[in-house]
Amino acid sequence: MNLKIGILGGGSWGTTVASLVARNTPTKIWARNPDTVLEINEQHTNSKYLKDAQLTKSLVACQTIEETVQDADVIVMGIPAQNFRNVLTEAKKTIRPWVPIVSLSKGLEKGSLLRMTEIIESVMPGHPAGVLTGPNLAREIMAGQAAASVLATVDDTISVELQKVFSTGLFRVYTNEDVVGCELGGALKNIVAIAAGMGDGMGAGDNTRAAVITRGLAELTRLGTAMGGRRRTFAGLTGMGDLVATCNSTQSRNRHVGFELGKGRALADIIEEMSMVAEGVKSAPVVMELAQKYGVEMPISFEVNRVVNGEASAREAFRGLLRTESKSEYDPG
């Protein structure tokens, strides 16, 4: 394969995708930290985010965004949602015309309420925008365990071609034209994962977690379909699949935040000790704005937002959920 890939973002998932793609085609990655760039090039590791993982030796790390994207045929954005626009705007000066741009981020932009592909379309009009998303825990994939993901673009022809870029061995990539549904599933499940983690941190059982996951799936499906996503998408890898993995895994950043909140710790202290971003913390208020805009009831997201905004403790949030009136399982709320 002769396509050249430029990946922006040297965190755990950006580095994992870069290592996978480098098996197929020439790949460059940009990381903010010069020490990370040096480590990737000289030791083929990224110990800050992927302890004990060996990266593909042909992967090249770059000190500048310009060097990474100037000759790239595909751009991959492994940047957290709240920094996504700034980094893409910086890269815009160097990216060649019509180059596809694929987001790895599972968040929503505060203020604008936009998905990442919407930011791509705004900043880089004319560039095909897509998202790679699914139940993908970086450390498991780097350890060689099987996983599946979804590549969503509005043009299936582009998806099929890019599918070859991202698919490697035990990492299976499916295509989907429902960009809205796939992207929202990845963003919204993070809030539910915080809720599941809070329950675990307070010592709740498997029954509680199962209830949070299934009612959380109902919430994200309601909002996702109201915003234009297809219902069946939320029963697939980017909805239920990602939700189950994120709510159950001890590797999940969002579940970890919830777990520590459930133990009574302050959010600021939890975030300070983390080296990676938990997108659900920043996305929670955005989701509540969207729920109000589209007239969708989201009681779990509402209570999580109260906790991350400092308006309630995890225990108070769970008491709030218990006070919610029980309706038909298929009714809102």
C-alpha atoms as a PDB file:
ATOM      1  CA  MET A   1       0.000   0.000   0.000  1.00  0.00           C
ATOM      2  CA  ASN A   2       1.440   3.360  -1.078  1.00  0.00           C
ATOM      3  CA  LEU A   3      -0.806   5.708   0.906  1.00  0.00           C
ATOM      4  CA  LYS A   4       1.080   7.872   3.386  1.00  0.00           C
ATOM      5  CA  ILE A   5      -0.634   8.355   6.753  1.00  0.00           C
ATOM      6  CA  GLY A   6      -0.146  11.271   9.135  1.00  0.00           C
ATOM      7  CA  ILE A   7      -1.424  10.826  12.698  1.00  0.00           C
ATOM      8  CA  LEU A   8      -1.744  13.752  15.096  1.00  0.00           C
ATOM      9  CA  GLY A   9      -1.708  12.832  18.770  1.00  0.00           C
ATOM     10  CA  GLY A  10       0.677  10.595  20.673  1.00  0.00           C
ATOM     11  CA  GLY A  11      -1.661   9.351  23.416  1.00  0.00           C
ATOM     12  CA  SER A  12      -2.550   5.715  24.003  1.00  0.00           C
ATOM     13  CA  TRP A  13      -5.120   5.335  21.236  1.00  0.00           C
ATOM     14  CA  GLY A  14      -3.368   7.559  18.688  1.00  0.00           C
ATOM     15  CA  THR A  15      -0.139   5.631  19.199  1.00  0.00           C
ATOM     16  CA  THR A  16      -1.925   2.278  19.003  1.00  0.00           C
ATOM     17  CA  VAL A  17      -3.614   3.169  15.719  1.00  0.00           C
ATOM     18  CA  ALA A  18      -0.319   4.509  14.379  1.00  0.00           C
ATOM     19  CA  SER A  19       1.438   1.244  15.234  1.00  0.00           C
ATOM     20  CA  LEU A  20      -1.327  -0.792  13.565  1.00  0.00           C
ATOM     21  CA  VAL A  21      -1.421   1.343  10.417  1.00  0.00           C
ATOM     22  CA  ALA A  22       2.383   1.337  10.135  1.00  0.00           C
ATOM     23  CA  ARG A  23       2.192  -2.415   9.468  1.00  0.00           C
ATOM     24  CA  ASN A  24       0.302  -1.640   6.263  1.00  0.00           C
ATOM     25  CA  THR A  25       1.677   1.605   4.922  1.00  0.00           C
ATOM     26  CA  PRO A  26       4.197   4.420   5.638  1.00  0.00           C
ATOM     27  CA  THR A  27       3.050   6.235   8.786  1.00  0.00           C
ATOM     28  CA  LYS A  28       4.154   9.310  10.716  1.00  0.00           C
ATOM     29  CA  ILE A  29       2.895  10.419  14.126  1.00  0.00           C
ATOM     30  CA  TRP A  30       3.171  13.766  15.906  1.00  0.00           C
ATOM     31  CA  ALA A  31       3.347  13.965  19.699  1.00  0.00           C
ATOM     32  CA  ARG A  32       3.548  17.158  21.772  1.00  0.00           C
ATOM     33  CA  ASN A  33       6.258  15.840  24.059  1.00  0.00           C
ATOM     34  CA  PRO A  34       9.731  15.817  22.396  1.00  0.00           C
ATOM     35  CA  ASP A  35      10.793  12.993  24.728  1.00  0.00           C
ATOM     36  CA  THR A  36       7.902  10.856  23.435  1.00  0.00           C
ATOM     37  CA  VAL A  37       8.981  11.515  19.845  1.00  0.00           C
ATOM     38  CA  LEU A  38      12.534  10.494  20.670  1.00  0.00           C
ATOM     39  CA  GLU A  39      11.385   7.363  22.509  1.00  0.00           C
ATOM     40  CA  ILE A  40       9.153   6.214  19.632  1.00  0.00           C
ATOM     41  CA  ASN A  41      11.957   6.667  17.095  1.00  0.00           C
ATOM     42  CA  GLU A  42      14.795   5.186  19.140  1.00  0.00           C
ATOM     43  CA  GLN A  43      13.146   2.580  21.367  1.00  0.00           C
ATOM     44  CA  HIS A  44       9.868   1.939  19.490  1.00  0.00           C
ATOM     45  CA  THR A  45       7.883   2.392  22.700  1.00  0.00           C
ATOM     46  CA  ASN A  46       5.613   5.007  24.312  1.00  0.00           C
ATOM     47  CA  SER A  47       6.016   4.123  27.962  1.00  0.00           C
ATOM     48  CA  LYS A  48       3.927   7.027  29.290  1.00  0.00           C
ATOM     49  CA  TYR A  49       0.747   5.709  27.679  1.00  0.00           C
ATOM     50  CA  LEU A  50       1.477   2.113  26.622  1.00  0.00           C
ATOM     51  CA  LYS A  51       3.676   0.472  29.229  1.00  0.00           C
ATOM     52  CA  ASP A  52       5.614  -2.587  27.988  1.00  0.00           C
ATOM     53  CA  ALA A  53       4.146  -2.348  24.452  1.00  0.00           C
ATOM     54  CA  GLN A  54       6.422  -2.614  21.417  1.00  0.00           C
ATOM     55  CA  LEU A  55       5.480  -0.388  18.490  1.00  0.00           C
ATOM     56  CA  THR A  56       5.924  -1.204  14.807  1.00  0.00           C
ATOM     57  CA  LYS A  57       9.543  -0.312  14.037  1.00  0.00           C
ATOM     58  CA  SER A  58       8.732   1.438  10.752  1.00  0.00           C
ATOM     59  CA  LEU A  59       6.567   4.026  12.576  1.00  0.00           C
ATOM     60  CA  VAL A  60       8.204   7.474  12.421  1.00  0.00           C
ATOM     61  CA  ALA A  61       7.531  10.123  15.075  1.00  0.00           C
ATOM     62  CA  CYS A  62       7.819  13.821  14.212  1.00  0.00           C
ATOM     63  CA  GLN A  63       8.529  16.932  16.244  1.00  0.00           C
ATOM     64  CA  THR A  64       6.181  19.168  14.212  1.00  0.00           C
ATOM     65  CA  ILE A  65       2.665  18.981  12.827  1.00  0.00           C
ATOM     66  CA  GLU A  66       3.921  20.270   9.478  1.00  0.00           C
ATOM     67  CA  GLU A  67       6.405  17.432   9.065  1.00  0.00           C
ATOM     68  CA  THR A  68       3.706  14.902   9.912  1.00  0.00           C
ATOM     69  CA  VAL A  69       0.993  16.031   7.494  1.00  0.00           C
ATOM     70  CA  GLN A  70       2.746  17.750   4.594  1.00  0.00           C
ATOM     71  CA  ASP A  71       2.925  14.666   2.355  1.00  0.00           C
ATOM     72  CA  ALA A  72       0.126  12.612   3.962  1.00  0.00           C
ATOM     73  CA  ASP A  73      -2.635  11.063   1.843  1.00  0.00           C
ATOM     74  CA  VAL A  74      -4.800  10.474   4.949  1.00  0.00           C
ATOM     75  CA  ILE A  75      -4.858  12.459   8.196  1.00  0.00           C
ATOM     76  CA  VAL A  76      -5.856  10.766  11.470  1.00  0.00           C
ATOM     77  CA  MET A  77      -6.779  12.977  14.430  1.00  0.00           C
ATOM     78  CA  GLY A  78      -5.999  11.354  17.792  1.00  0.00           C
ATOM     79  CA  ILE A  79      -6.623  14.613  19.666  1.00  0.00           C
ATOM     80  CA  PRO A  80      -8.975  15.090  22.669  1.00  0.00           C
ATOM     81  CA  ALA A  81     -12.216  16.845  21.774  1.00  0.00           C
ATOM     82  CA  GLN A  82     -11.513  20.179  23.476  1.00  0.00           C
ATOM     83  CA  ASN A  83      -8.152  20.597  21.675  1.00  0.00           C
ATOM     84  CA  PHE A  84      -9.295  19.082  18.375  1.00  0.00           C
ATOM     85  CA  ARG A  85     -10.178  22.345  16.617  1.00  0.00           C
ATOM     86  CA  ASN A  86      -6.950  24.129  17.552  1.00  0.00           C
ATOM     87  CA  VAL A  87      -4.692  21.316  16.353  1.00  0.00           C
ATOM     88  CA  LEU A  88      -6.651  20.876  13.110  1.00  0.00           C
ATOM     89  CA  THR A  89      -6.521  24.620  12.459  1.00  0.00           C
ATOM     90  CA  GLU A  90      -2.744  24.503  12.899  1.00  0.00           C
ATOM     91  CA  ALA A  91      -2.474  21.521  10.549  1.00  0.00           C
ATOM     92  CA  LYS A  92      -4.739  23.154   7.952  1.00  0.00           C
ATOM     93  CA  LYS A  93      -1.882  25.302   6.671  1.00  0.00           C
ATOM     94  CA  THR A  94      -0.001  22.198   5.498  1.00  0.00           C
ATOM     95  CA  ILE A  95      -2.604  19.541   4.650  1.00  0.00           C
ATOM     96  CA  ARG A  96      -2.971  19.005   0.887  1.00  0.00           C
ATOM     97  CA  PRO A  97      -6.404  19.517  -0.788  1.00  0.00           C
ATOM     98  CA  TRP A  98      -9.106  16.827  -0.593  1.00  0.00           C
ATOM     99  CA  VAL A  99      -7.151  14.591   1.817  1.00  0.00           C
ATOM    100  CA  PRO A 100      -9.530  12.489   3.985  1.00  0.00           C
ATOM    101  CA  ILE A 101      -9.466  13.284   7.728  1.00  0.00           C
ATOM    102  CA  VAL A 102     -10.435  10.583  10.234  1.00  0.00           C
ATOM    103  CA  SER A 103     -11.211  11.311  13.890  1.00  0.00           C
ATOM    104  CA  LEU A 104     -10.361   8.967  16.769  1.00  0.00           C
ATOM    105  CA  SER A 105     -11.886  11.235  19.405  1.00  0.00           C
ATOM    106  CA  LYS A 106     -14.948  10.208  21.448  1.00  0.00           C
ATOM    107  CA  GLY A 107     -16.072  13.575  22.684  1.00  0.00           C
ATOM    108  CA  LEU A 108     -18.167  16.654  21.905  1.00  0.00           C
ATOM    109  CA  GLU A 109     -16.917  20.244  21.723  1.00  0.00           C
ATOM    110  CA  LYS A 110     -18.033  22.525  24.533  1.00  0.00           C
ATOM    111  CA  GLY A 111     -19.749  25.688  23.412  1.00  0.00           C
ATOM    112  CA  SER A 112     -20.447  24.657  19.824  1.00  0.00           C
ATOM    113  CA  LEU A 113     -21.926  21.230  20.800  1.00  0.00           C
ATOM    114  CA  LEU A 114     -20.300  19.837  17.645  1.00  0.00           C
ATOM    115  CA  ARG A 115     -19.112  16.326  16.877  1.00  0.00           C
ATOM    116  CA  MET A 116     -15.523  16.010  15.637  1.00  0.00           C
ATOM    117  CA  THR A 117     -16.515  15.302  12.028  1.00  0.00           C
ATOM    118  CA  GLU A 118     -18.594  18.485  12.115  1.00  0.00           C
ATOM    119  CA  ILE A 119     -15.484  20.377  13.240  1.00  0.00           C
ATOM    120  CA  ILE A 120     -13.554  18.817  10.352  1.00  0.00           C
ATOM    121  CA  GLU A 121     -16.236  19.924   7.894  1.00  0.00           C
ATOM    122  CA  SER A 122     -16.173  23.423   9.393  1.00  0.00           C
ATOM    123  CA  VAL A 123     -12.403  23.906   9.491  1.00  0.00           C
ATOM    124  CA  MET A 124     -11.551  21.864   6.397  1.00  0.00           C
ATOM    125  CA  PRO A 125     -14.469  22.099   3.928  1.00  0.00           C
ATOM    126  CA  GLY A 126     -14.076  19.805   0.941  1.00  0.00           C
ATOM    127  CA  HIS A 127     -12.120  17.182   2.893  1.00  0.00           C
ATOM    128  CA  PRO A 128     -13.919  13.845   3.384  1.00  0.00           C
ATOM    129  CA  ALA A 129     -14.512  13.418   7.148  1.00  0.00           C
ATOM    130  CA  GLY A 130     -14.797  10.131   8.998  1.00  0.00           C
ATOM    131  CA  VAL A 131     -14.508   8.471  12.382  1.00  0.00           C
ATOM    132  CA  LEU A 132     -12.856   5.259  13.585  1.00  0.00           C
ATOM    133  CA  THR A 133     -14.662   4.106  16.714  1.00  0.00           C
ATOM    134  CA  GLY A 134     -15.757   1.056  18.671  1.00  0.00           C
ATOM    135  CA  PRO A 135     -14.948  -1.059  21.747  1.00  0.00           C
ATOM    136  CA  ASN A 136     -11.201  -0.550  21.476  1.00  0.00           C
ATOM    137  CA  LEU A 137      -9.064  -0.697  24.618  1.00  0.00           C
ATOM    138  CA  ALA A 138      -5.597   0.302  23.473  1.00  0.00           C
ATOM    139  CA  ARG A 139      -3.541  -1.890  25.803  1.00  0.00           C
ATOM    140  CA  GLU A 140      -5.441  -5.048  24.859  1.00  0.00           C
ATOM    141  CA  ILE A 141      -4.961  -4.366  21.159  1.00  0.00           C
ATOM    142  CA  MET A 142      -1.244  -3.701  21.636  1.00  0.00           C
ATOM    143  CA  ALA A 143      -1.050  -6.994  23.542  1.00  0.00           C
ATOM    144  CA  GLY A 144      -2.292  -8.755  20.412  1.00  0.00           C
ATOM    145  CA  GLN A 145      -5.842  -9.470  21.549  1.00  0.00           C
ATOM    146  CA  ALA A 146      -8.630  -9.532  18.957  1.00  0.00           C
ATOM    147  CA  ALA A 147     -10.806  -6.435  18.571  1.00  0.00           C
ATOM    148  CA  ALA A 148     -13.263  -4.888  16.137  1.00  0.00           C
ATOM    149  CA  SER A 149     -13.873  -1.292  15.164  1.00  0.00           C
ATOM    150  CA  VAL A 150     -16.041   0.708  12.774  1.00  0.00           C
ATOM    151  CA  LEU A 151     -14.902   3.198  10.143  1.00  0.00           C
ATOM    152  CA  ALA A 152     -17.756   5.559   9.324  1.00  0.00           C
ATOM    153  CA  THR A 153     -17.842   8.030   6.432  1.00  0.00           C
ATOM    154  CA  VAL A 154     -20.740   9.285   4.348  1.00  0.00           C
ATOM    155  CA  ASP A 155     -19.039   7.906   1.222  1.00  0.00           C
ATOM    156  CA  ASP A 156     -18.861   4.117   1.327  1.00  0.00           C
ATOM    157  CA  THR A 157     -16.259   4.090  -1.463  1.00  0.00           C
ATOM    158  CA  ILE A 158     -13.853   6.032   0.746  1.00  0.00           C
ATOM    159  CA  SER A 159     -14.633   3.798   3.727  1.00  0.00           C
ATOM    160  CA  VAL A 160     -13.837   0.641   1.779  1.00  0.00           C
ATOM    161  CA  GLU A 161     -10.467   2.033   0.679  1.00  0.00           C
ATOM    162  CA  LEU A 162      -9.562   3.297   4.160  1.00  0.00           C
ATOM    163  CA  GLN A 163     -10.706  -0.005   5.660  1.00  0.00           C
ATOM    164  CA  LYS A 164      -7.568  -1.533   4.112  1.00  0.00           C
ATOM    165  CA  VAL A 165      -5.422   1.055   5.885  1.00  0.00           C
ATOM    166  CA  PHE A 166      -6.710   0.300   9.386  1.00  0.00           C
ATOM    167  CA  SER A 167      -7.384  -3.463   9.253  1.00  0.00           C
ATOM    168  CA  THR A 168      -4.540  -5.617  10.549  1.00  0.00           C
ATOM    169  CA  GLY A 169      -4.537  -9.217  11.675  1.00  0.00           C
ATOM    170  CA  LEU A 170      -6.702  -9.467  14.778  1.00  0.00           C
ATOM    171  CA  PHE A 171      -7.925  -5.868  14.440  1.00  0.00           C
ATOM    172  CA  ARG A 172     -11.046  -6.149  12.274  1.00  0.00           C
ATOM    173  CA  VAL A 173     -12.550  -2.965  10.816  1.00  0.00           C
ATOM    174  CA  TYR A 174     -16.153  -2.734   9.574  1.00  0.00           C
ATOM    175  CA  THR A 175     -17.642   0.127   7.557  1.00  0.00           C
ATOM    176  CA  ASN A 176     -20.791   2.162   8.246  1.00  0.00           C
ATOM    177  CA  GLU A 177     -22.362   5.167   6.521  1.00  0.00           C
ATOM    178  CA  ASP A 178     -24.064   6.372   9.728  1.00  0.00           C
ATOM    179  CA  VAL A 179     -21.411   8.852  10.816  1.00  0.00           C
ATOM    180  CA  VAL A 180     -23.794  10.610  13.235  1.00  0.00           C
ATOM    181  CA  GLY A 181     -24.815   7.415  15.035  1.00  0.00           C
ATOM    182  CA  CYS A 182     -21.297   5.981  15.224  1.00  0.00           C
ATOM    183  CA  GLU A 183     -19.793   9.206  16.493  1.00  0.00           C
ATOM    184  CA  LEU A 184     -22.499   9.863  19.077  1.00  0.00           C
ATOM    185  CA  GLY A 185     -22.351   6.309  20.404  1.00  0.00           C
ATOM    186  CA  GLY A 186     -18.654   6.760  21.165  1.00  0.00           C
ATOM    187  CA  ALA A 187     -19.177  10.121  22.860  1.00  0.00           C
ATOM    188  CA  LEU A 188     -22.324   9.403  24.847  1.00  0.00           C
ATOM    189  CA  LYS A 189     -21.227   6.069  26.310  1.00  0.00           C
ATOM    190  CA  ASN A 190     -18.496   7.841  28.284  1.00  0.00           C
ATOM    191  CA  ILE A 191     -21.084   9.484  30.533  1.00  0.00           C
ATOM    192  CA  VAL A 192     -22.766   6.134  31.184  1.00  0.00           C
ATOM    193  CA  ALA A 193     -19.354   4.631  31.997  1.00  0.00           C
ATOM    194  CA  ILE A 194     -18.837   7.269  34.677  1.00  0.00           C
ATOM    195  CA  ALA A 195     -22.199   6.284  36.164  1.00  0.00           C
ATOM    196  CA  ALA A 196     -21.303   2.587  36.092  1.00  0.00           C
ATOM    197  CA  GLY A 197     -17.969   3.365  37.725  1.00  0.00           C
ATOM    198  CA  MET A 198     -19.647   5.366  40.472  1.00  0.00           C
ATOM    199  CA  GLY A 199     -21.827   2.387  41.308  1.00  0.00           C
ATOM    200  CA  ASP A 200     -18.817   0.079  41.414  1.00  0.00           C
ATOM    201  CA  GLY A 201     -16.921   2.543  43.597  1.00  0.00           C
ATOM    202  CA  MET A 202     -19.781   2.563  46.090  1.00  0.00           C
ATOM    203  CA  GLY A 203     -19.825  -1.225  46.200  1.00  0.00           C
ATOM    204  CA  ALA A 204     -22.921  -1.810  44.069  1.00  0.00           C
ATOM    205  CA  GLY A 205     -23.231  -5.222  42.436  1.00  0.00           C
ATOM    206  CA  ASP A 206     -23.434  -6.648  38.954  1.00  0.00           C
ATOM    207  CA  ASN A 207     -27.200  -6.155  38.901  1.00  0.00           C
ATOM    208  CA  THR A 208     -26.749  -2.413  39.379  1.00  0.00           C
ATOM    209  CA  ARG A 209     -24.118  -2.180  36.676  1.00  0.00           C
ATOM    210  CA  ALA A 210     -26.318  -4.128  34.253  1.00  0.00           C
ATOM    211  CA  ALA A 211     -29.205  -1.757  34.945  1.00  0.00           C
ATOM    212  CA  VAL A 212     -27.008   1.308  34.403  1.00  0.00           C
ATOM    213  CA  ILE A 213     -25.654  -0.100  31.127  1.00  0.00           C
ATOM    214  CA  THR A 214     -29.028  -1.029  29.668  1.00  0.00           C
ATOM    215  CA  ARG A 215     -30.832   2.119  30.770  1.00  0.00           C
ATOM    216  CA  GLY A 216     -27.807   4.108  29.627  1.00  0.00           C
ATOM    217  CA  LEU A 217     -28.050   2.458  26.217  1.00  0.00           C
ATOM    218  CA  ALA A 218     -31.695   3.530  26.062  1.00  0.00           C
ATOM    219  CA  GLU A 219     -30.647   7.112  26.834  1.00  0.00           C
ATOM    220  CA  LEU A 220     -27.934   7.369  24.242  1.00  0.00           C
ATOM    221  CA  THR A 221     -30.171   5.723  21.641  1.00  0.00           C
ATOM    222  CA  ARG A 222     -32.924   8.279  22.306  1.00  0.00           C
ATOM    223  CA  LEU A 223     -30.618  11.240  21.892  1.00  0.00           C
ATOM    224  CA  GLY A 224     -28.671   9.649  19.049  1.00  0.00           C
ATOM    225  CA  THR A 225     -31.758   8.977  16.961  1.00  0.00           C
ATOM    226  CA  ALA A 226     -33.179  12.420  17.747  1.00  0.00           C
ATOM    227  CA  MET A 227     -29.966  13.884  16.302  1.00  0.00           C
ATOM    228  CA  GLY A 228     -30.177  11.820  13.133  1.00  0.00           C
ATOM    229  CA  GLY A 229     -28.427   8.547  13.959  1.00  0.00           C
ATOM    230  CA  ARG A 230     -29.910   5.206  12.950  1.00  0.00           C
ATOM    231  CA  ARG A 231     -31.391   3.097  15.747  1.00  0.00           C
ATOM    232  CA  ARG A 232     -29.638  -0.088  14.623  1.00  0.00           C
ATOM    233  CA  THR A 233     -26.242   1.628  14.914  1.00  0.00           C
ATOM    234  CA  PHE A 234     -26.676   1.866  18.686  1.00  0.00           C
ATOM    235  CA  ALA A 235     -27.174  -1.912  18.898  1.00  0.00           C
ATOM    236  CA  GLY A 236     -23.825  -2.444  17.165  1.00  0.00           C
ATOM    237  CA  LEU A 237     -20.127  -2.077  17.915  1.00  0.00           C
ATOM    238  CA  THR A 238     -20.162   1.709  18.289  1.00  0.00           C
ATOM    239  CA  GLY A 239     -23.185   1.673  20.614  1.00  0.00           C
ATOM    240  CA  MET A 240     -23.761  -1.376  22.767  1.00  0.00           C
ATOM    241  CA  GLY A 241     -20.321  -2.842  22.067  1.00  0.00           C
ATOM    242  CA  ASP A 242     -18.392   0.250  23.107  1.00  0.00           C
ATOM    243  CA  LEU A 243     -20.723   0.826  26.060  1.00  0.00           C
ATOM    244  CA  VAL A 244     -20.244  -2.683  27.476  1.00  0.00           C
ATOM    245  CA  ALA A 245     -16.451  -2.531  27.131  1.00  0.00           C
ATOM    246  CA  THR A 246     -16.154   0.928  28.672  1.00  0.00           C
ATOM    247  CA  CYS A 247     -18.502   0.265  31.591  1.00  0.00           C
ATOM    248  CA  ASN A 248     -16.883  -3.034  32.550  1.00  0.00           C
ATOM    249  CA  SER A 249     -13.155  -2.614  31.944  1.00  0.00           C
ATOM    250  CA  THR A 250     -10.735  -1.489  34.632  1.00  0.00           C
ATOM    251  CA  GLN A 251      -8.729   0.040  31.748  1.00  0.00           C
ATOM    252  CA  SER A 252     -11.532   2.504  30.974  1.00  0.00           C
ATOM    253  CA  ARG A 253     -10.615   6.077  31.927  1.00  0.00           C
ATOM    254  CA  ASN A 254     -14.226   7.162  32.312  1.00  0.00           C
ATOM    255  CA  ARG A 255     -15.152   4.179  34.475  1.00  0.00           C
ATOM    256  CA  HIS A 256     -12.034   4.908  36.550  1.00  0.00           C
ATOM    257  CA  VAL A 257     -13.168   8.485  37.134  1.00  0.00           C
ATOM    258  CA  GLY A 258     -16.599   7.240  38.191  1.00  0.00           C
ATOM    259  CA  PHE A 259     -15.105   4.551  40.423  1.00  0.00           C
ATOM    260  CA  GLU A 260     -12.986   7.085  42.294  1.00  0.00           C
ATOM    261  CA  LEU A 261     -15.944   9.466  42.578  1.00  0.00           C
ATOM    262  CA  GLY A 262     -17.954   6.597  44.036  1.00  0.00           C
ATOM    263  CA  LYS A 263     -15.277   6.166  46.686  1.00  0.00           C
ATOM    264  CA  GLY A 264     -15.819   9.784  47.681  1.00  0.00           C
ATOM    265  CA  ARG A 265     -12.759  11.387  46.098  1.00  0.00           C
ATOM    266  CA  ALA A 266     -12.792  14.881  44.606  1.00  0.00           C
ATOM    267  CA  LEU A 267     -12.911  15.109  40.808  1.00  0.00           C
ATOM    268  CA  ALA A 268     -10.010  17.574  40.655  1.00  0.00           C
ATOM    269  CA  ASP A 269      -7.740  15.136  42.513  1.00  0.00           C
ATOM    270  CA  ILE A 270      -8.745  12.254  40.243  1.00  0.00           C
ATOM    271  CA  ILE A 271      -8.074  14.229  37.063  1.00  0.00           C
ATOM    272  CA  GLU A 272      -4.757  15.593  38.355  1.00  0.00           C
ATOM    273  CA  GLU A 273      -3.254  12.137  38.773  1.00  0.00           C
ATOM    274  CA  MET A 274      -4.398  10.865  35.352  1.00  0.00           C
ATOM    275  CA  SER A 275      -2.072  11.041  32.342  1.00  0.00           C
ATOM    276  CA  MET A 276      -4.943  10.546  29.878  1.00  0.00           C
ATOM    277  CA  VAL A 277      -8.150  12.449  29.197  1.00  0.00           C
ATOM    278  CA  ALA A 278     -11.524  11.118  30.354  1.00  0.00           C
ATOM    279  CA  GLU A 279     -13.745  12.619  27.659  1.00  0.00           C
ATOM    280  CA  GLY A 280     -16.968  11.999  29.583  1.00  0.00           C
ATOM    281  CA  VAL A 281     -16.114  14.663  32.175  1.00  0.00           C
ATOM    282  CA  LYS A 282     -15.999  17.424  29.556  1.00  0.00           C
ATOM    283  CA  SER A 283     -18.808  15.983  27.431  1.00  0.00           C
ATOM    284  CA  ALA A 284     -21.383  15.629  30.235  1.00  0.00           C
ATOM    285  CA  PRO A 285     -22.536  19.283  30.214  1.00  0.00           C
ATOM    286  CA  VAL A 286     -22.553  19.262  26.397  1.00  0.00           C
ATOM    287  CA  VAL A 287     -24.789  16.192  26.386  1.00  0.00           C
ATOM    288  CA  MET A 288     -27.238  17.886  28.759  1.00  0.00           C
ATOM    289  CA  GLU A 289     -27.402  20.921  26.468  1.00  0.00           C
ATOM    290  CA  LEU A 290     -28.131  18.616  23.535  1.00  0.00           C
ATOM    291  CA  ALA A 291     -30.762  16.713  25.545  1.00  0.00           C
ATOM    292  CA  GLN A 292     -32.533  19.991  26.304  1.00  0.00           C
ATOM    293  CA  LYS A 293     -32.223  21.144  22.683  1.00  0.00           C
ATOM    294  CA  TYR A 294     -33.766  17.931  21.331  1.00  0.00           C
ATOM    295  CA  GLY A 295     -36.267  17.422  24.161  1.00  0.00           C
ATOM    296  CA  VAL A 296     -34.847  14.065  25.278  1.00  0.00           C
ATOM    297  CA  GLU A 297     -35.013  12.754  28.863  1.00  0.00           C
ATOM    298  CA  MET A 298     -31.625  11.472  30.084  1.00  0.00           C
ATOM    299  CA  PRO A 299     -31.805  10.886  33.867  1.00  0.00           C
ATOM    300  CA  ILE A 300     -28.478   9.021  34.141  1.00  0.00           C
ATOM    301  CA  SER A 301     -26.604  11.689  32.185  1.00  0.00           C
ATOM    302  CA  PHE A 302     -28.352  14.373  34.235  1.00  0.00           C
ATOM    303  CA  GLU A 303     -27.093  12.906  37.514  1.00  0.00           C
ATOM    304  CA  VAL A 304     -23.566  12.356  36.184  1.00  0.00           C
ATOM    305  CA  ASN A 305     -23.470  15.969  35.046  1.00  0.00           C
ATOM    306  CA  ARG A 306     -24.494  17.084  38.538  1.00  0.00           C
ATOM    307  CA  VAL A 307     -21.555  15.149  39.988  1.00  0.00           C
ATOM    308  CA  VAL A 308     -18.877  16.385  37.548  1.00  0.00           C
ATOM    309  CA  ASN A 309     -20.137  19.957  38.026  1.00  0.00           C
ATOM    310  CA  GLY A 310     -19.802  19.628  41.798  1.00  0.00           C
ATOM    311  CA  GLU A 311     -23.541  19.949  42.422  1.00  0.00           C
ATOM    312  CA  ALA A 312     -23.921  16.486  43.969  1.00  0.00           C
ATOM    313  CA  SER A 313     -21.906  13.560  45.303  1.00  0.00           C
ATOM    314  CA  ALA A 314     -22.000  10.124  43.680  1.00  0.00           C
ATOM    315  CA  ARG A 315     -24.260   8.870  46.463  1.00  0.00           C
ATOM    316  CA  GLU A 316     -26.647  11.784  46.017  1.00  0.00           C
ATOM    317  CA  ALA A 317     -26.702  11.122  42.267  1.00  0.00           C
ATOM    318  CA  PHE A 318     -27.659   7.487  42.773  1.00  0.00           C
ATOM    319  CA  ARG A 319     -30.359   8.490  45.230  1.00  0.00           C
ATOM    320  CA  GLY A 320     -31.642  10.854  42.546  1.00  0.00           C
ATOM    321  CA  LEU A 321     -31.847   7.987  40.066  1.00  0.00           C
ATOM    322  CA  LEU A 322     -33.756   5.841  42.559  1.00  0.00           C
ATOM    323  CA  ARG A 323     -36.279   8.637  42.988  1.00  0.00           C
ATOM    324  CA  THR A 324     -36.934   8.692  39.233  1.00  0.00           C
ATOM    325  CA  GLU A 325     -40.406   7.370  38.510  1.00  0.00           C
ATOM    326  CA  SER A 326     -40.460   3.897  36.929  1.00  0.00           C
ATOM    327  CA  LYS A 327     -42.354   3.767  33.652  1.00  0.00           C
ATOM    328  CA  SER A 328     -42.682   1.250  30.856  1.00  0.00           C
ATOM    329  CA  GLU A 329     -39.227   0.009  29.879  1.00  0.00           C
ATOM    330  CA  TYR A 330     -39.727   1.497  26.434  1.00  0.00           C
ATOM    331  CA  ASP A 331     -40.908   4.907  27.572  1.00  0.00           C
ATOM    332  CA  PRO A 332     -38.434   7.823  27.938  1.00  0.00           C
ATOM    333  CA  GLY A 333     -36.745   8.253  31.317  1.00  0.00           C
END
